[in-house]
Amino acid sequence: MDPISGAIVTALAAGVASGVGEAGKKLIMDIYNELKTAMRQKFGKESKVVESVEKLERKPDSEALQEMFKKEVEVAKVADDAKLRKLAESLLKVLQSIPEGKAAMRKYNITADNIGVVGDNAHIEGGIHFNNE
């Protein structure tokens, strides 16, 4: 799974679309929303990739919608955009800090190792590894 799909699927599985509570989880919502906004700006709000995110938000556990989203991300070459990749990496890093995020990452075999800090003027280093078997 590419980093963009992995970040969004993991965030939705962790409950982002249903409005994760707690003030500490605000950062997750902020990064998630920033990623969606950046995708809308790049591809247009009527694009298939943006539509597939919105459908997935309504049914985050749907394997069919997850597959459709991954395909749209691949077709649109979303992961080739450096800004979107950095946002996805930041989102995965923050998701690692909450139990729901860790559980979702285990469920989808997603690991995010050696990623830098998240926040204002953050510097992202390292990589994301997707365990496709």
C-alpha atoms as a PDB file:
ATOM      1  CA  MET A   1       0.000   0.000   0.000  1.00  0.00           C
ATOM      2  CA  ASP A   2       1.434   3.401  -0.921  1.00  0.00           C
ATOM      3  CA  PRO A   3       1.965   5.977   1.879  1.00  0.00           C
ATOM      4  CA  ILE A   4      -1.031   8.117   0.928  1.00  0.00           C
ATOM      5  CA  SER A   5      -3.470   5.200   0.931  1.00  0.00           C
ATOM      6  CA  GLY A   6      -1.871   3.779   4.052  1.00  0.00           C
ATOM      7  CA  ALA A   7      -2.175   7.042   5.968  1.00  0.00           C
ATOM      8  CA  ILE A   8      -5.793   7.663   5.023  1.00  0.00           C
ATOM      9  CA  VAL A   9      -6.969   4.074   5.511  1.00  0.00           C
ATOM     10  CA  THR A  10      -5.192   3.934   8.884  1.00  0.00           C
ATOM     11  CA  ALA A  11      -6.587   7.287   9.999  1.00  0.00           C
ATOM     12  CA  LEU A  12     -10.119   6.244   9.070  1.00  0.00           C
ATOM     13  CA  ALA A  13      -9.714   2.874  10.765  1.00  0.00           C
ATOM     14  CA  ALA A  14      -8.518   4.733  13.868  1.00  0.00           C
ATOM     15  CA  GLY A  15     -11.750   6.726  13.895  1.00  0.00           C
ATOM     16  CA  VAL A  16     -10.731  10.059  12.402  1.00  0.00           C
ATOM     17  CA  ALA A  17     -13.851  10.391  10.233  1.00  0.00           C
ATOM     18  CA  SER A  18     -16.127   9.918  13.226  1.00  0.00           C
ATOM     19  CA  GLY A  19     -14.419  12.809  15.008  1.00  0.00           C
ATOM     20  CA  VAL A  20     -11.873  11.324  17.374  1.00  0.00           C
ATOM     21  CA  GLY A  21     -12.250  13.143  20.692  1.00  0.00           C
ATOM     22  CA  GLU A  22      -9.520  14.284  23.124  1.00  0.00           C
ATOM     23  CA  ALA A  23      -7.504  17.430  22.621  1.00  0.00           C
ATOM     24  CA  GLY A  24      -4.338  15.397  21.952  1.00  0.00           C
ATOM     25  CA  LYS A  25      -5.956  13.877  18.880  1.00  0.00           C
ATOM     26  CA  LYS A  26      -6.626  17.323  17.373  1.00  0.00           C
ATOM     27  CA  LEU A  27      -3.267  17.162  15.623  1.00  0.00           C
ATOM     28  CA  ILE A  28      -4.350  13.973  13.843  1.00  0.00           C
ATOM     29  CA  MET A  29      -7.522  15.647  12.614  1.00  0.00           C
ATOM     30  CA  ASP A  30      -5.582  18.727  11.532  1.00  0.00           C
ATOM     31  CA  ILE A  31      -3.061  16.735   9.492  1.00  0.00           C
ATOM     32  CA  TYR A  32      -5.774  14.482   8.043  1.00  0.00           C
ATOM     33  CA  ASN A  33      -7.826  17.501   6.975  1.00  0.00           C
ATOM     34  CA  GLU A  34      -4.731  19.214   5.571  1.00  0.00           C
ATOM     35  CA  LEU A  35      -3.974  16.103   3.508  1.00  0.00           C
ATOM     36  CA  LYS A  36      -7.540  16.014   2.162  1.00  0.00           C
ATOM     37  CA  THR A  37      -7.444  19.732   1.374  1.00  0.00           C
ATOM     38  CA  ALA A  38      -4.133  19.355  -0.456  1.00  0.00           C
ATOM     39  CA  MET A  39      -5.595  16.480  -2.480  1.00  0.00           C
ATOM     40  CA  ARG A  40      -8.641  18.594  -3.380  1.00  0.00           C
ATOM     41  CA  GLN A  41      -6.399  21.483  -4.446  1.00  0.00           C
ATOM     42  CA  LYS A  42      -4.185  19.269  -6.578  1.00  0.00           C
ATOM     43  CA  PHE A  43      -6.819  17.031  -8.183  1.00  0.00           C
ATOM     44  CA  GLY A  44     -10.084  18.977  -7.805  1.00  0.00           C
ATOM     45  CA  LYS A  45     -12.975  18.284  -5.466  1.00  0.00           C
ATOM     46  CA  GLU A  46     -14.838  16.407  -8.225  1.00  0.00           C
ATOM     47  CA  SER A  47     -11.897  14.079  -8.966  1.00  0.00           C
ATOM     48  CA  LYS A  48     -12.247  10.343  -8.602  1.00  0.00           C
ATOM     49  CA  VAL A  49      -9.501  10.197  -5.971  1.00  0.00           C
ATOM     50  CA  VAL A  50     -11.221  12.794  -3.769  1.00  0.00           C
ATOM     51  CA  GLU A  51     -14.606  11.126  -4.295  1.00  0.00           C
ATOM     52  CA  SER A  52     -13.101   7.797  -3.250  1.00  0.00           C
ATOM     53  CA  VAL A  53     -11.807   9.341   0.014  1.00  0.00           C
ATOM     54  CA  GLU A  54     -15.265  10.698   0.776  1.00  0.00           C
ATOM     55  CA  LYS A  55     -16.884   7.320   0.097  1.00  0.00           C
ATOM     56  CA  LEU A  56     -14.294   5.600   2.276  1.00  0.00           C
ATOM     57  CA  GLU A  57     -15.003   8.037   5.105  1.00  0.00           C
ATOM     58  CA  ARG A  58     -18.615   6.864   5.149  1.00  0.00           C
ATOM     59  CA  LYS A  59     -17.622   3.163   5.284  1.00  0.00           C
ATOM     60  CA  PRO A  60     -13.983   2.959   6.452  1.00  0.00           C
ATOM     61  CA  ASP A  61     -14.113  -0.814   7.020  1.00  0.00           C
ATOM     62  CA  SER A  62     -15.264  -1.583   3.472  1.00  0.00           C
ATOM     63  CA  GLU A  63     -12.536  -3.575   1.767  1.00  0.00           C
ATOM     64  CA  ALA A  64     -14.088  -2.802  -1.620  1.00  0.00           C
ATOM     65  CA  LEU A  65     -13.927   0.950  -0.971  1.00  0.00           C
ATOM     66  CA  GLN A  66     -10.373   0.646   0.364  1.00  0.00           C
ATOM     67  CA  GLU A  67      -9.342  -1.145  -2.824  1.00  0.00           C
ATOM     68  CA  MET A  68     -11.128   1.432  -4.977  1.00  0.00           C
ATOM     69  CA  PHE A  69      -9.350   4.232  -3.084  1.00  0.00           C
ATOM     70  CA  LYS A  70      -5.936   2.563  -3.453  1.00  0.00           C
ATOM     71  CA  LYS A  71      -6.558   2.148  -7.185  1.00  0.00           C
ATOM     72  CA  GLU A  72      -7.571   5.802  -7.613  1.00  0.00           C
ATOM     73  CA  VAL A  73      -4.472   6.917  -5.680  1.00  0.00           C
ATOM     74  CA  GLU A  74      -2.327   4.764  -7.953  1.00  0.00           C
ATOM     75  CA  VAL A  75      -3.982   5.938 -11.176  1.00  0.00           C
ATOM     76  CA  ALA A  76      -3.698   9.609 -10.165  1.00  0.00           C
ATOM     77  CA  LYS A  77      -0.078   9.061  -9.039  1.00  0.00           C
ATOM     78  CA  VAL A  78      -0.881  10.797  -5.771  1.00  0.00           C
ATOM     79  CA  ALA A  79       2.182   9.353  -4.032  1.00  0.00           C
ATOM     80  CA  ASP A  80       4.444  11.132  -6.544  1.00  0.00           C
ATOM     81  CA  ASP A  81       3.573  14.493  -4.978  1.00  0.00           C
ATOM     82  CA  ALA A  82       6.190  15.410  -2.328  1.00  0.00           C
ATOM     83  CA  LYS A  83       3.811  17.582  -0.289  1.00  0.00           C
ATOM     84  CA  LEU A  84       1.165  14.856  -0.104  1.00  0.00           C
ATOM     85  CA  ARG A  85       3.795  12.251   0.829  1.00  0.00           C
ATOM     86  CA  LYS A  86       5.110  14.447   3.663  1.00  0.00           C
ATOM     87  CA  LEU A  87       1.604  15.002   4.993  1.00  0.00           C
ATOM     88  CA  ALA A  88       0.919  11.250   4.839  1.00  0.00           C
ATOM     89  CA  GLU A  89       4.193  10.506   6.631  1.00  0.00           C
ATOM     90  CA  SER A  90       3.335  13.064   9.319  1.00  0.00           C
ATOM     91  CA  LEU A  91      -0.115  11.553   9.737  1.00  0.00           C
ATOM     92  CA  LEU A  92       1.288   8.031  10.121  1.00  0.00           C
ATOM     93  CA  LYS A  93       3.831   9.234  12.669  1.00  0.00           C
ATOM     94  CA  VAL A  94       1.158  10.857  14.815  1.00  0.00           C
ATOM     95  CA  LEU A  95      -1.149   7.840  14.435  1.00  0.00           C
ATOM     96  CA  GLN A  96       1.590   5.713  15.983  1.00  0.00           C
ATOM     97  CA  SER A  97       1.157   7.711  19.183  1.00  0.00           C
ATOM     98  CA  ILE A  98      -2.414   6.602  19.886  1.00  0.00           C
ATOM     99  CA  PRO A  99      -3.717   3.087  20.591  1.00  0.00           C
ATOM    100  CA  GLU A 100      -6.348   3.260  17.825  1.00  0.00           C
ATOM    101  CA  GLY A 101      -3.692   4.256  15.316  1.00  0.00           C
ATOM    102  CA  LYS A 102      -1.320   1.497  16.386  1.00  0.00           C
ATOM    103  CA  ALA A 103      -4.109  -1.069  16.129  1.00  0.00           C
ATOM    104  CA  ALA A 104      -5.092   0.133  12.647  1.00  0.00           C
ATOM    105  CA  MET A 105      -1.467   0.065  11.493  1.00  0.00           C
ATOM    106  CA  ARG A 106      -1.134  -3.531  12.712  1.00  0.00           C
ATOM    107  CA  LYS A 107      -4.398  -4.470  11.009  1.00  0.00           C
ATOM    108  CA  TYR A 108      -3.199  -3.143   7.655  1.00  0.00           C
ATOM    109  CA  ASN A 109       0.476  -4.141   8.125  1.00  0.00           C
ATOM    110  CA  ILE A 110       1.709  -0.565   7.946  1.00  0.00           C
ATOM    111  CA  THR A 111       4.900   0.556   9.663  1.00  0.00           C
ATOM    112  CA  ALA A 112       6.304   4.059   9.880  1.00  0.00           C
ATOM    113  CA  ASP A 113       9.897   4.004  11.080  1.00  0.00           C
ATOM    114  CA  ASN A 114      12.463   6.752  11.500  1.00  0.00           C
ATOM    115  CA  ILE A 115      10.116   9.581  10.603  1.00  0.00           C
ATOM    116  CA  GLY A 116      11.037  12.992  12.037  1.00  0.00           C
ATOM    117  CA  VAL A 117       8.975  15.191  14.320  1.00  0.00           C
ATOM    118  CA  VAL A 118       5.585  16.651  13.490  1.00  0.00           C
ATOM    119  CA  GLY A 119       4.648  20.280  14.029  1.00  0.00           C
ATOM    120  CA  ASP A 120       5.460  23.793  12.907  1.00  0.00           C
ATOM    121  CA  ASN A 121       8.644  23.849  10.853  1.00  0.00           C
ATOM    122  CA  ALA A 122       8.930  20.068  11.167  1.00  0.00           C
ATOM    123  CA  HIS A 123      11.609  18.241   9.244  1.00  0.00           C
ATOM    124  CA  ILE A 124      10.627  14.811   7.928  1.00  0.00           C
ATOM    125  CA  GLU A 125      13.331  12.164   7.585  1.00  0.00           C
ATOM    126  CA  GLY A 126      13.342   8.412   7.225  1.00  0.00           C
ATOM    127  CA  GLY A 127      10.845   6.288   5.412  1.00  0.00           C
ATOM    128  CA  ILE A 128       7.618   4.393   5.539  1.00  0.00           C
ATOM    129  CA  HIS A 129       7.579   0.690   4.895  1.00  0.00           C
ATOM    130  CA  PHE A 130       4.484  -1.170   3.763  1.00  0.00           C
ATOM    131  CA  ASN A 131       4.504  -4.895   4.398  1.00  0.00           C
ATOM    132  CA  ASN A 132       2.831  -6.238   1.284  1.00  0.00           C
ATOM    133  CA  GLU A 133       2.864  -9.993   1.448  1.00  0.00           C
END
